[in-house]
């Protein structure tokens, strides 16, 4: 496992360990789209997700209110 993949898995684990649905949604979005070899944090990469057919698209994590 590379350092980058380890970081990705650590983010997924951290988010999925949070109580409630928010952490699970964050973890799923991170699992789906986050690529540590690309620029931007996992949150920035999820924010610019263009998969509008995804059932989690409208509730995906964003860094500021109203970002879509």
Protein backbone atom coordinates (compact mmCIF):
# COMPACT_ATOMS: atom_id res chain seq x y z
CA UNK A 1 0.00 0.00 0.00
CA UNK A 2 1.33 3.39 -0.96
CA UNK A 3 1.43 6.38 1.37
CA UNK A 4 -1.26 8.08 -0.71
CA UNK A 5 -3.56 5.06 -0.57
CA UNK A 6 -2.96 4.88 3.17
CA UNK A 7 -4.01 8.52 3.48
CA UNK A 8 -7.17 7.85 1.47
CA UNK A 9 -8.08 4.89 3.66
CA UNK A 10 -7.38 6.92 6.81
CA UNK A 11 -9.78 9.65 5.65
CA UNK A 12 -12.46 7.06 4.84
CA UNK A 13 -12.00 5.38 8.22
CA UNK A 14 -12.07 8.71 10.10
CA UNK A 15 -15.25 9.84 8.38
CA UNK A 16 -17.05 6.49 8.64
CA UNK A 17 -16.29 6.35 12.37
CA UNK A 18 -18.29 9.52 13.04
CA UNK A 19 -21.71 9.16 14.61
CA UNK A 20 -24.77 9.54 12.44
CA UNK A 21 -25.28 9.51 8.69
CA UNK A 22 -23.09 12.52 7.84
CA UNK A 23 -19.87 10.62 8.47
CA UNK A 24 -21.07 7.65 6.45
CA UNK A 25 -22.07 9.89 3.52
CA UNK A 26 -18.70 11.67 3.68
CA UNK A 27 -16.90 8.32 3.71
CA UNK A 28 -18.88 7.00 0.75
CA UNK A 29 -18.22 10.13 -1.32
CA UNK A 30 -14.53 9.97 -0.41
CA UNK A 31 -14.41 6.28 -1.33
CA UNK A 32 -16.12 6.98 -4.64
CA UNK A 33 -14.23 9.99 -5.97
CA UNK A 34 -11.17 10.88 -3.88
CA UNK A 35 -7.87 10.32 -5.66
CA UNK A 36 -4.87 11.40 -3.58
CA UNK A 37 -2.75 11.60 -6.73
CA UNK A 38 -4.91 14.45 -8.04
CA UNK A 39 -4.84 18.03 -6.78
CA UNK A 40 -7.14 19.17 -4.03
CA UNK A 41 -8.29 17.74 -0.74
CA UNK A 42 -10.89 14.99 -0.59
CA UNK A 43 -13.49 17.63 0.23
CA UNK A 44 -12.61 19.78 -2.78
CA UNK A 45 -12.69 16.75 -5.06
CA UNK A 46 -16.10 15.70 -3.72
CA UNK A 47 -17.41 19.28 -4.06
CA UNK A 48 -16.70 19.30 -7.79
CA UNK A 49 -18.26 15.88 -8.34
CA UNK A 50 -20.40 15.99 -11.46
CA UNK A 51 -22.22 12.67 -11.00
CA UNK A 52 -25.72 14.13 -10.69
CA UNK A 53 -27.24 10.65 -11.07
CA UNK A 54 -25.70 9.63 -7.74
CA UNK A 55 -28.33 9.31 -4.99
CA UNK A 56 -25.96 11.12 -2.59
CA UNK A 57 -25.22 14.03 -4.94
CA UNK A 58 -27.53 16.52 -3.22
CA UNK A 59 -26.25 15.65 0.23
CA UNK A 60 -22.54 15.31 -0.60
CA UNK A 61 -20.20 17.21 1.71
CA UNK A 62 -19.23 20.76 0.78
CA UNK A 63 -16.91 23.23 2.46
CA UNK A 64 -19.39 26.09 2.44
CA UNK A 65 -23.15 26.52 2.44
CA UNK A 66 -24.68 26.45 -1.00
CA UNK A 67 -21.71 25.07 -2.92
CA UNK A 68 -22.92 22.91 -5.76
